[in-house]
Amino acid sequence: MSAPDFIVHDAKDTVGVIVKEGIEANSKLTGWVMEDDSKVEVECIDAIPLGHKIALGDIAEGDTILKYGHDIGKAVAKVAKGGHVHIQNVKTKRW
C-alpha cells in the first residue's frame, strides 16, 4: 500500500487522523488501521487539514467519538461519513 491519507489506531475508532496535507473535498482517501494492518477507504466530503479527523461512518449528535480506542468526547452536531471532525462538532464530556 502506498502512504495512507489517514491513520486509524484502533479498529473500534470512529475517526481517523489525516496525515497528508492538501486533502480536498470529494476525494477518495485510503487509511491504514494500525491495530490489524488493514486498510479502509472513505470518500472525503470536506477539505480536512493535516492532523484533523475524518469521520469513518455517520456520527449522530450525542455519539461518543473514539480515537486511539478511547473516548475523546461527544458529537455536538451530526457528521456525515467522510466529514471533518473537529472543534465545530466535538466537545469534551468534562464540561
N, C-alpha and C. Protein backbone atom coordinates (compact mmCIF):
# COMPACT_ATOMS: atom_id res chain seq x y z
N MET A 1 0.85 -1.18 0.00
CA MET A 1 0.00 0.00 0.00
C MET A 1 0.89 1.24 0.00
N SER A 2 0.51 2.22 -0.77
CA SER A 2 1.24 3.48 -0.75
C SER A 2 0.95 4.20 0.57
N ALA A 3 1.61 5.31 0.81
CA ALA A 3 1.43 6.04 2.06
C ALA A 3 -0.04 6.38 2.26
N PRO A 4 -0.58 6.14 3.45
CA PRO A 4 -2.00 6.40 3.70
C PRO A 4 -2.30 7.90 3.78
N ASP A 5 -3.57 8.23 3.55
CA ASP A 5 -4.04 9.61 3.70
C ASP A 5 -4.41 9.88 5.15
N PHE A 6 -4.84 8.83 5.85
CA PHE A 6 -5.20 8.97 7.26
C PHE A 6 -4.86 7.67 8.00
N ILE A 7 -4.73 7.80 9.32
CA ILE A 7 -4.39 6.65 10.16
C ILE A 7 -5.49 6.44 11.19
N VAL A 8 -5.85 5.17 11.37
CA VAL A 8 -6.80 4.75 12.40
C VAL A 8 -6.01 3.86 13.35
N HIS A 9 -6.01 4.20 14.62
CA HIS A 9 -5.19 3.43 15.57
C HIS A 9 -5.84 2.13 16.00
N ASP A 10 -7.13 2.14 16.25
CA ASP A 10 -7.86 1.00 16.80
C ASP A 10 -9.05 0.70 15.89
N ALA A 11 -9.33 -0.57 15.67
CA ALA A 11 -10.43 -0.95 14.78
C ALA A 11 -11.78 -0.42 15.27
N LYS A 12 -11.92 -0.09 16.56
CA LYS A 12 -13.17 0.44 17.10
C LYS A 12 -13.31 1.95 16.87
N ASP A 13 -12.25 2.62 16.46
CA ASP A 13 -12.28 4.07 16.31
C ASP A 13 -13.37 4.51 15.33
N THR A 14 -13.95 5.67 15.61
CA THR A 14 -14.97 6.24 14.73
C THR A 14 -14.40 7.36 13.86
N VAL A 15 -13.13 7.70 14.10
CA VAL A 15 -12.45 8.72 13.31
C VAL A 15 -11.03 8.25 12.97
N GLY A 16 -10.50 8.83 11.89
CA GLY A 16 -9.11 8.64 11.52
C GLY A 16 -8.44 10.00 11.52
N VAL A 17 -7.11 10.01 11.62
CA VAL A 17 -6.35 11.25 11.66
C VAL A 17 -5.66 11.46 10.31
N ILE A 18 -5.92 12.61 9.68
CA ILE A 18 -5.33 12.95 8.39
C ILE A 18 -3.81 13.13 8.55
N VAL A 19 -3.04 12.46 7.69
CA VAL A 19 -1.58 12.53 7.77
C VAL A 19 -0.93 13.07 6.50
N LYS A 20 -1.75 13.62 5.60
CA LYS A 20 -1.25 14.25 4.38
C LYS A 20 -1.81 15.66 4.28
N GLU A 21 -1.02 16.55 3.75
CA GLU A 21 -1.50 17.92 3.52
C GLU A 21 -2.28 17.99 2.22
N GLY A 22 -3.18 18.96 2.14
CA GLY A 22 -3.88 19.22 0.89
C GLY A 22 -5.06 18.31 0.60
N ILE A 23 -5.66 17.72 1.64
CA ILE A 23 -6.83 16.86 1.42
C ILE A 23 -8.00 17.75 1.02
N GLU A 24 -8.57 17.47 -0.14
CA GLU A 24 -9.66 18.26 -0.68
C GLU A 24 -10.97 17.50 -0.60
N ALA A 25 -12.06 18.26 -0.59
CA ALA A 25 -13.40 17.67 -0.60
C ALA A 25 -13.57 16.82 -1.86
N ASN A 26 -14.41 15.83 -1.74
CA ASN A 26 -14.76 14.95 -2.85
C ASN A 26 -13.59 14.15 -3.39
N SER A 27 -12.72 13.73 -2.49
CA SER A 27 -11.61 12.87 -2.90
C SER A 27 -11.70 11.55 -2.16
N LYS A 28 -11.23 10.50 -2.81
CA LYS A 28 -11.24 9.17 -2.20
C LYS A 28 -9.94 9.00 -1.43
N LEU A 29 -10.07 8.70 -0.13
CA LEU A 29 -8.91 8.57 0.73
C LEU A 29 -8.73 7.13 1.19
N THR A 30 -7.48 6.77 1.40
CA THR A 30 -7.15 5.45 1.92
C THR A 30 -6.53 5.61 3.30
N GLY A 31 -7.01 4.82 4.24
CA GLY A 31 -6.49 4.86 5.59
C GLY A 31 -5.89 3.53 5.99
N TRP A 32 -4.98 3.59 6.95
CA TRP A 32 -4.31 2.41 7.49
C TRP A 32 -4.78 2.21 8.92
N VAL A 33 -5.30 1.01 9.21
CA VAL A 33 -5.71 0.65 10.56
C VAL A 33 -4.53 -0.05 11.22
N MET A 34 -3.90 0.64 12.17
CA MET A 34 -2.68 0.13 12.79
C MET A 34 -2.91 -1.18 13.55
N GLU A 35 -4.05 -1.30 14.23
CA GLU A 35 -4.30 -2.46 15.09
C GLU A 35 -4.19 -3.78 14.34
N ASP A 36 -4.72 -3.83 13.12
CA ASP A 36 -4.71 -5.10 12.39
C ASP A 36 -4.06 -5.00 11.01
N ASP A 37 -3.37 -3.88 10.75
CA ASP A 37 -2.65 -3.66 9.49
C ASP A 37 -3.56 -3.78 8.26
N SER A 38 -4.81 -3.35 8.43
CA SER A 38 -5.74 -3.38 7.30
C SER A 38 -5.85 -1.98 6.71
N LYS A 39 -6.59 -1.87 5.61
CA LYS A 39 -6.81 -0.56 5.02
C LYS A 39 -8.31 -0.32 4.93
N VAL A 40 -8.66 0.96 4.88
CA VAL A 40 -10.05 1.38 4.78
C VAL A 40 -10.10 2.54 3.80
N GLU A 41 -11.15 2.60 2.99
CA GLU A 41 -11.31 3.70 2.05
C GLU A 41 -12.55 4.50 2.42
N VAL A 42 -12.43 5.82 2.34
CA VAL A 42 -13.52 6.73 2.68
C VAL A 42 -13.54 7.85 1.64
N GLU A 43 -14.73 8.18 1.18
CA GLU A 43 -14.91 9.34 0.30
C GLU A 43 -14.97 10.58 1.20
N CYS A 44 -13.99 11.45 1.06
CA CYS A 44 -13.89 12.65 1.88
C CYS A 44 -14.86 13.70 1.34
N ILE A 45 -15.74 14.23 2.20
CA ILE A 45 -16.72 15.20 1.72
C ILE A 45 -16.35 16.65 2.05
N ASP A 46 -15.30 16.83 2.85
CA ASP A 46 -14.83 18.16 3.23
C ASP A 46 -13.33 18.25 2.99
N ALA A 47 -12.82 19.46 2.83
CA ALA A 47 -11.37 19.66 2.89
C ALA A 47 -10.98 19.50 4.35
N ILE A 48 -9.95 18.71 4.63
CA ILE A 48 -9.57 18.44 6.02
C ILE A 48 -8.07 18.69 6.17
N PRO A 49 -7.70 19.59 7.09
CA PRO A 49 -6.28 19.89 7.28
C PRO A 49 -5.51 18.74 7.93
N LEU A 50 -4.23 18.76 7.74
CA LEU A 50 -3.30 17.81 8.35
C LEU A 50 -3.51 17.79 9.87
N GLY A 51 -3.60 16.59 10.43
CA GLY A 51 -3.75 16.43 11.87
C GLY A 51 -5.19 16.46 12.37
N HIS A 52 -6.13 16.82 11.50
CA HIS A 52 -7.53 16.84 11.89
C HIS A 52 -8.14 15.47 11.62
N LYS A 53 -9.39 15.27 12.03
CA LYS A 53 -10.02 13.96 11.97
C LYS A 53 -11.07 13.87 10.86
N ILE A 54 -11.21 12.65 10.34
CA ILE A 54 -12.24 12.33 9.35
C ILE A 54 -13.17 11.29 9.96
N ALA A 55 -14.48 11.46 9.73
CA ALA A 55 -15.48 10.51 10.22
C ALA A 55 -15.44 9.25 9.37
N LEU A 56 -15.31 8.11 10.02
CA LEU A 56 -15.25 6.83 9.30
C LEU A 56 -16.63 6.29 8.98
N GLY A 57 -17.65 6.84 9.60
CA GLY A 57 -19.04 6.48 9.36
C GLY A 57 -19.89 7.66 9.79
N ASP A 58 -21.18 7.58 9.59
CA ASP A 58 -22.06 8.65 10.05
C ASP A 58 -22.02 8.73 11.57
N ILE A 59 -21.91 9.93 12.10
CA ILE A 59 -21.88 10.17 13.53
C ILE A 59 -23.08 11.04 13.88
N ALA A 60 -23.90 10.57 14.80
CA ALA A 60 -25.09 11.32 15.21
C ALA A 60 -24.76 12.26 16.36
N GLU A 61 -25.53 13.33 16.48
CA GLU A 61 -25.37 14.23 17.61
C GLU A 61 -25.52 13.43 18.90
N GLY A 62 -24.59 13.61 19.82
CA GLY A 62 -24.60 12.89 21.09
C GLY A 62 -23.75 11.63 21.10
N ASP A 63 -23.33 11.16 19.92
CA ASP A 63 -22.49 9.96 19.85
C ASP A 63 -21.12 10.21 20.48
N THR A 64 -20.55 9.17 21.05
CA THR A 64 -19.19 9.22 21.56
C THR A 64 -18.22 9.07 20.40
N ILE A 65 -17.18 9.88 20.40
CA ILE A 65 -16.14 9.81 19.38
C ILE A 65 -14.99 8.98 19.94
N LEU A 66 -14.57 7.98 19.20
CA LEU A 66 -13.46 7.11 19.61
C LEU A 66 -12.25 7.35 18.73
N LYS A 67 -11.11 7.61 19.38
CA LYS A 67 -9.83 7.80 18.72
C LYS A 67 -8.79 7.12 19.60
N TYR A 68 -7.86 6.41 19.01
CA TYR A 68 -6.87 5.62 19.76
C TYR A 68 -7.55 4.58 20.64
N GLY A 69 -8.78 4.19 20.29
CA GLY A 69 -9.52 3.23 21.10
C GLY A 69 -10.12 3.83 22.35
N HIS A 70 -10.08 5.16 22.50
CA HIS A 70 -10.56 5.83 23.70
C HIS A 70 -11.60 6.89 23.37
N ASP A 71 -12.46 7.16 24.32
CA ASP A 71 -13.47 8.20 24.25
C ASP A 71 -12.77 9.56 24.30
N ILE A 72 -12.89 10.34 23.22
CA ILE A 72 -12.27 11.68 23.22
C ILE A 72 -13.32 12.80 23.29
N GLY A 73 -14.59 12.44 23.41
CA GLY A 73 -15.63 13.45 23.51
C GLY A 73 -16.92 12.99 22.86
N LYS A 74 -17.84 13.95 22.73
CA LYS A 74 -19.12 13.63 22.11
C LYS A 74 -19.40 14.58 20.96
N ALA A 75 -20.15 14.08 20.00
CA ALA A 75 -20.55 14.91 18.86
C ALA A 75 -21.65 15.86 19.32
N VAL A 76 -21.45 17.15 19.04
CA VAL A 76 -22.47 18.16 19.36
C VAL A 76 -23.26 18.55 18.12
N ALA A 77 -22.93 17.93 17.01
CA ALA A 77 -23.66 18.08 15.75
C ALA A 77 -23.42 16.79 14.96
N LYS A 78 -24.33 16.46 14.08
CA LYS A 78 -24.11 15.25 13.30
C LYS A 78 -23.01 15.49 12.27
N VAL A 79 -22.30 14.41 11.97
CA VAL A 79 -21.22 14.46 10.99
C VAL A 79 -21.43 13.29 10.04
N ALA A 80 -21.48 13.57 8.76
CA ALA A 80 -21.64 12.52 7.76
C ALA A 80 -20.32 11.78 7.56
N LYS A 81 -20.40 10.55 7.15
CA LYS A 81 -19.21 9.77 6.81
C LYS A 81 -18.35 10.58 5.84
N GLY A 82 -17.06 10.67 6.14
CA GLY A 82 -16.15 11.44 5.30
C GLY A 82 -16.05 12.90 5.66
N GLY A 83 -16.78 13.31 6.70
CA GLY A 83 -16.79 14.71 7.11
C GLY A 83 -15.65 15.06 8.05
N HIS A 84 -15.42 16.35 8.19
CA HIS A 84 -14.38 16.91 9.05
C HIS A 84 -14.86 16.89 10.50
N VAL A 85 -14.14 16.19 11.36
CA VAL A 85 -14.48 16.10 12.78
C VAL A 85 -13.46 16.96 13.53
N HIS A 86 -13.94 18.03 14.18
CA HIS A 86 -13.04 18.95 14.87
C HIS A 86 -13.86 19.73 15.91
N ILE A 87 -13.33 20.84 16.38
CA ILE A 87 -13.97 21.58 17.47
C ILE A 87 -15.35 22.13 17.12
N GLN A 88 -15.69 22.21 15.86
CA GLN A 88 -17.02 22.71 15.48
C GLN A 88 -18.12 21.67 15.75
N ASN A 89 -17.74 20.41 15.90
CA ASN A 89 -18.77 19.38 16.08
C ASN A 89 -18.44 18.34 17.16
N VAL A 90 -17.34 18.53 17.91
CA VAL A 90 -16.98 17.62 19.00
C VAL A 90 -16.58 18.45 20.23
N LYS A 91 -17.09 18.03 21.37
CA LYS A 91 -16.74 18.69 22.64
C LYS A 91 -16.37 17.63 23.66
N THR A 92 -15.55 18.01 24.62
CA THR A 92 -15.20 17.11 25.70
C THR A 92 -16.43 16.82 26.55
N LYS A 93 -16.44 15.69 27.21
CA LYS A 93 -17.54 15.37 28.13
C LYS A 93 -17.29 15.91 29.54
N ARG A 94 -16.12 16.53 29.74
CA ARG A 94 -15.77 17.02 31.08
C ARG A 94 -16.57 18.23 31.49
N TRP A 95 -17.00 19.06 30.54
CA TRP A 95 -17.72 20.28 30.87
C TRP A 95 -19.10 20.28 30.27
